[in-house]
Amino acid sequence: MQVGLILRAMGFNNSTRIYLAAGDLFGGERFMKPFRALFPHLENHSSVDPADELAENTQGLLGSAVDYMVCLLSDIFMPTYDGPSNFANNLLGHPLYYGFRTTIRPDRKALAPIFIDREKGRTAGFEETVRQAMFKTNLGGPHKR
């Protein structure tokens, strides 16, 4: 849900097409329902393959390849996991040599207190505060990959 609120604060609306590159999310549909309410045009590798070829791929490598290529060629890429992720690191580095596409890397340290305040009911100015945190540094703001 936090990713959806960040995207909304940055000006993305419910007509934005979002591709979610992931397996099963922790918490499953319970966490996806509010995100889908903000961004109904949500896709993943299972929803873009009408031939069920991805479902038959037992090791999941085809789905991972589709995820990688869609993210690589997307207009904007936003990794949402800050841990050691070869997937995200490769996607951040791969196009670096080509000088194209945009990456948004959330500044988690700057955003954490904003979301804590929101959970405590202090929602006034939330979107503006998120925008300020996101655009303050190259880490948070959109920049060319």
C-alpha atoms as a PDB file:
ATOM      1  CA  MET A   1       0.000   0.000   0.000  1.00  0.00           C
ATOM      2  CA  GLN A   2       2.868   2.402   0.787  1.00  0.00           C
ATOM      3  CA  VAL A   3       4.155   2.086  -2.787  1.00  0.00           C
ATOM      4  CA  GLY A   4       0.724   3.062  -4.073  1.00  0.00           C
ATOM      5  CA  LEU A   5       0.613   6.098  -1.791  1.00  0.00           C
ATOM      6  CA  ILE A   6       4.097   7.159  -2.910  1.00  0.00           C
ATOM      7  CA  LEU A   7       3.133   6.843  -6.577  1.00  0.00           C
ATOM      8  CA  ARG A   8      -0.114   8.731  -5.986  1.00  0.00           C
ATOM      9  CA  ALA A   9       1.746  11.537  -4.160  1.00  0.00           C
ATOM     10  CA  MET A  10       4.174  11.767  -7.088  1.00  0.00           C
ATOM     11  CA  GLY A  11       1.277  12.425  -9.454  1.00  0.00           C
ATOM     12  CA  PHE A  12       0.465   9.015 -10.898  1.00  0.00           C
ATOM     13  CA  ASN A  13      -3.289   8.450 -11.223  1.00  0.00           C
ATOM     14  CA  ASN A  14      -5.575   5.439 -11.546  1.00  0.00           C
ATOM     15  CA  SER A  15      -5.092   5.287 -15.327  1.00  0.00           C
ATOM     16  CA  THR A  16      -1.397   4.461 -14.839  1.00  0.00           C
ATOM     17  CA  ARG A  17      -0.469   0.963 -15.961  1.00  0.00           C
ATOM     18  CA  ILE A  18       1.610  -0.801 -13.302  1.00  0.00           C
ATOM     19  CA  TYR A  19       3.556  -4.000 -13.862  1.00  0.00           C
ATOM     20  CA  LEU A  20       4.325  -5.885 -10.670  1.00  0.00           C
ATOM     21  CA  ALA A  21       7.401  -8.078 -11.063  1.00  0.00           C
ATOM     22  CA  ALA A  22       7.149 -10.511  -8.201  1.00  0.00           C
ATOM     23  CA  GLY A  23       6.085 -13.925  -7.154  1.00  0.00           C
ATOM     24  CA  ASP A  24       3.533 -14.280  -4.404  1.00  0.00           C
ATOM     25  CA  LEU A  25       3.594 -11.244  -2.156  1.00  0.00           C
ATOM     26  CA  PHE A  26       3.875 -11.574   1.599  1.00  0.00           C
ATOM     27  CA  GLY A  27       0.320 -11.107   2.836  1.00  0.00           C
ATOM     28  CA  GLY A  28      -1.107 -11.956  -0.580  1.00  0.00           C
ATOM     29  CA  GLU A  29      -4.391 -10.502  -1.730  1.00  0.00           C
ATOM     30  CA  ARG A  30      -4.988  -8.722   1.576  1.00  0.00           C
ATOM     31  CA  PHE A  31      -2.163  -6.296   0.678  1.00  0.00           C
ATOM     32  CA  MET A  32      -2.898  -6.207  -3.038  1.00  0.00           C
ATOM     33  CA  LYS A  33      -6.557  -5.209  -2.733  1.00  0.00           C
ATOM     34  CA  PRO A  34      -5.890  -1.610  -1.546  1.00  0.00           C
ATOM     35  CA  PHE A  35      -3.091  -1.233  -4.122  1.00  0.00           C
ATOM     36  CA  ARG A  36      -5.406  -2.458  -6.879  1.00  0.00           C
ATOM     37  CA  ALA A  37      -8.017   0.072  -5.724  1.00  0.00           C
ATOM     38  CA  LEU A  38      -5.505   2.885  -6.319  1.00  0.00           C
ATOM     39  CA  PHE A  39      -4.152   1.429  -9.568  1.00  0.00           C
ATOM     40  CA  PRO A  40      -6.664  -0.875 -11.275  1.00  0.00           C
ATOM     41  CA  HIS A  41      -4.457  -1.371 -14.358  1.00  0.00           C
ATOM     42  CA  LEU A  42      -2.161  -3.740 -12.483  1.00  0.00           C
ATOM     43  CA  GLU A  43      -0.413  -6.467 -14.470  1.00  0.00           C
ATOM     44  CA  ASN A  44       2.110  -9.219 -13.796  1.00  0.00           C
ATOM     45  CA  HIS A  45       3.653 -11.977 -15.872  1.00  0.00           C
ATOM     46  CA  SER A  46       0.638 -14.236 -15.309  1.00  0.00           C
ATOM     47  CA  SER A  47      -1.841 -11.664 -16.600  1.00  0.00           C
ATOM     48  CA  VAL A  48       0.111 -10.761 -19.754  1.00  0.00           C
ATOM     49  CA  ASP A  49       0.425 -14.316 -21.126  1.00  0.00           C
ATOM     50  CA  PRO A  50      -2.851 -15.520 -22.639  1.00  0.00           C
ATOM     51  CA  ALA A  51      -1.289 -18.820 -23.801  1.00  0.00           C
ATOM     52  CA  ASP A  52      -0.707 -20.170 -20.257  1.00  0.00           C
ATOM     53  CA  GLU A  53       2.891 -20.894 -21.271  1.00  0.00           C
ATOM     54  CA  LEU A  54       4.108 -19.220 -18.090  1.00  0.00           C
ATOM     55  CA  ALA A  55       1.859 -21.389 -15.916  1.00  0.00           C
ATOM     56  CA  GLU A  56       3.329 -24.527 -17.505  1.00  0.00           C
ATOM     57  CA  ASN A  57       6.904 -23.358 -16.840  1.00  0.00           C
ATOM     58  CA  THR A  58       7.537 -25.295 -13.634  1.00  0.00           C
ATOM     59  CA  GLN A  59      10.797 -23.616 -12.598  1.00  0.00           C
ATOM     60  CA  GLY A  60       9.467 -20.083 -13.036  1.00  0.00           C
ATOM     61  CA  LEU A  61      12.398 -19.002 -15.185  1.00  0.00           C
ATOM     62  CA  LEU A  62      10.181 -17.874 -18.042  1.00  0.00           C
ATOM     63  CA  GLY A  63       8.156 -15.670 -15.681  1.00  0.00           C
ATOM     64  CA  SER A  64      11.371 -14.172 -14.317  1.00  0.00           C
ATOM     65  CA  ALA A  65      12.582 -13.467 -17.844  1.00  0.00           C
ATOM     66  CA  VAL A  66       9.296 -11.752 -18.709  1.00  0.00           C
ATOM     67  CA  ASP A  67       9.507  -9.709 -15.488  1.00  0.00           C
ATOM     68  CA  TYR A  68      13.043  -8.621 -16.312  1.00  0.00           C
ATOM     69  CA  MET A  69      12.302  -7.609 -19.909  1.00  0.00           C
ATOM     70  CA  VAL A  70       9.106  -5.732 -19.041  1.00  0.00           C
ATOM     71  CA  CYS A  71      10.889  -3.823 -16.260  1.00  0.00           C
ATOM     72  CA  LEU A  72      13.939  -3.152 -18.442  1.00  0.00           C
ATOM     73  CA  LEU A  73      11.827  -1.681 -21.232  1.00  0.00           C
ATOM     74  CA  SER A  74       9.369   0.162 -18.994  1.00  0.00           C
ATOM     75  CA  ASP A  75       9.179   3.942 -18.978  1.00  0.00           C
ATOM     76  CA  ILE A  76       9.862   4.015 -15.231  1.00  0.00           C
ATOM     77  CA  PHE A  77      11.296   1.367 -12.897  1.00  0.00           C
ATOM     78  CA  MET A  78      10.815   1.506  -9.139  1.00  0.00           C
ATOM     79  CA  PRO A  79      12.392  -1.199  -6.986  1.00  0.00           C
ATOM     80  CA  THR A  80      10.404  -1.676  -3.816  1.00  0.00           C
ATOM     81  CA  TYR A  81      12.748  -4.022  -2.005  1.00  0.00           C
ATOM     82  CA  ASP A  82      15.902  -2.549  -0.503  1.00  0.00           C
ATOM     83  CA  GLY A  83      17.674  -5.779   0.342  1.00  0.00           C
ATOM     84  CA  PRO A  84      20.234  -7.655  -1.724  1.00  0.00           C
ATOM     85  CA  SER A  85      18.369  -8.140  -4.992  1.00  0.00           C
ATOM     86  CA  ASN A  86      20.225  -9.115  -8.131  1.00  0.00           C
ATOM     87  CA  PHE A  87      17.025  -8.491 -10.075  1.00  0.00           C
ATOM     88  CA  ALA A  88      16.792  -4.830  -9.022  1.00  0.00           C
ATOM     89  CA  ASN A  89      20.562  -4.259  -9.172  1.00  0.00           C
ATOM     90  CA  ASN A  90      20.731  -5.612 -12.704  1.00  0.00           C
ATOM     91  CA  LEU A  91      17.766  -3.505 -13.756  1.00  0.00           C
ATOM     92  CA  LEU A  92      19.394  -0.415 -12.306  1.00  0.00           C
ATOM     93  CA  GLY A  93      22.728  -1.179 -13.978  1.00  0.00           C
ATOM     94  CA  HIS A  94      21.741  -2.714 -17.320  1.00  0.00           C
ATOM     95  CA  PRO A  95      20.398   0.444 -18.966  1.00  0.00           C
ATOM     96  CA  LEU A  96      23.048   2.639 -17.364  1.00  0.00           C
ATOM     97  CA  TYR A  97      25.214   2.107 -20.408  1.00  0.00           C
ATOM     98  CA  TYR A  98      22.395   3.068 -22.747  1.00  0.00           C
ATOM     99  CA  GLY A  99      21.428   6.281 -20.944  1.00  0.00           C
ATOM    100  CA  PHE A 100      17.703   5.770 -21.175  1.00  0.00           C
ATOM    101  CA  ARG A 101      14.659   5.153 -18.969  1.00  0.00           C
ATOM    102  CA  THR A 102      13.839   6.549 -15.558  1.00  0.00           C
ATOM    103  CA  THR A 103      14.296   5.004 -12.127  1.00  0.00           C
ATOM    104  CA  ILE A 104      12.553   5.995  -8.920  1.00  0.00           C
ATOM    105  CA  ARG A 105      14.320   4.758  -5.799  1.00  0.00           C
ATOM    106  CA  PRO A 106      12.350   5.542  -2.638  1.00  0.00           C
ATOM    107  CA  ASP A 107      14.399   7.063   0.169  1.00  0.00           C
ATOM    108  CA  ARG A 108      13.138   4.746   2.883  1.00  0.00           C
ATOM    109  CA  LYS A 109      14.850   6.599   5.734  1.00  0.00           C
ATOM    110  CA  ALA A 110      13.146   9.851   4.762  1.00  0.00           C
ATOM    111  CA  LEU A 111       9.767   8.201   4.135  1.00  0.00           C
ATOM    112  CA  ALA A 112       9.556   6.065   7.293  1.00  0.00           C
ATOM    113  CA  PRO A 113       8.664   8.904   9.718  1.00  0.00           C
ATOM    114  CA  ILE A 114       6.103  10.260   7.230  1.00  0.00           C
ATOM    115  CA  PHE A 115       4.311   6.904   7.091  1.00  0.00           C
ATOM    116  CA  ILE A 116       4.548   6.495  10.878  1.00  0.00           C
ATOM    117  CA  ASP A 117       2.851   9.881  11.292  1.00  0.00           C
ATOM    118  CA  ARG A 118       0.163   8.806   8.801  1.00  0.00           C
ATOM    119  CA  GLU A 119      -0.497   5.623  10.786  1.00  0.00           C
ATOM    120  CA  LYS A 120      -0.918   7.769  13.899  1.00  0.00           C
ATOM    121  CA  GLY A 121      -3.626   9.758  12.106  1.00  0.00           C
ATOM    122  CA  ARG A 122      -1.584  12.796  11.107  1.00  0.00           C
ATOM    123  CA  THR A 123      -2.518  12.898   7.420  1.00  0.00           C
ATOM    124  CA  ALA A 124      -2.529  16.654   6.747  1.00  0.00           C
ATOM    125  CA  GLY A 125       0.053  17.477   4.112  1.00  0.00           C
ATOM    126  CA  PHE A 126       0.952  13.806   3.609  1.00  0.00           C
ATOM    127  CA  GLU A 127       1.283  13.926  -0.196  1.00  0.00           C
ATOM    128  CA  GLU A 128       3.322  17.143  -0.176  1.00  0.00           C
ATOM    129  CA  THR A 129       5.663  15.750   2.477  1.00  0.00           C
ATOM    130  CA  VAL A 130       6.126  12.538   0.451  1.00  0.00           C
ATOM    131  CA  ARG A 131       6.879  14.595  -2.693  1.00  0.00           C
ATOM    132  CA  GLN A 132       9.446  16.660  -0.805  1.00  0.00           C
ATOM    133  CA  ALA A 133      11.143  13.530   0.531  1.00  0.00           C
ATOM    134  CA  MET A 134      11.122  11.838  -2.876  1.00  0.00           C
ATOM    135  CA  PHE A 135      12.441  14.788  -4.860  1.00  0.00           C
ATOM    136  CA  LYS A 136      14.938  15.959  -2.230  1.00  0.00           C
ATOM    137  CA  THR A 137      17.719  13.625  -3.305  1.00  0.00           C
ATOM    138  CA  ASN A 138      18.705  11.653  -6.353  1.00  0.00           C
ATOM    139  CA  LEU A 139      18.001   8.552  -4.291  1.00  0.00           C
ATOM    140  CA  GLY A 140      14.309   9.322  -4.045  1.00  0.00           C
ATOM    141  CA  GLY A 141      13.568  11.414  -7.096  1.00  0.00           C
ATOM    142  CA  PRO A 142      13.201  10.187 -10.639  1.00  0.00           C
ATOM    143  CA  HIS A 143      16.450  10.175 -12.548  1.00  0.00           C
ATOM    144  CA  LYS A 144      17.689   8.746 -15.799  1.00  0.00           C
ATOM    145  CA  ARG A 145      19.118   5.260 -15.551  1.00  0.00           C
END
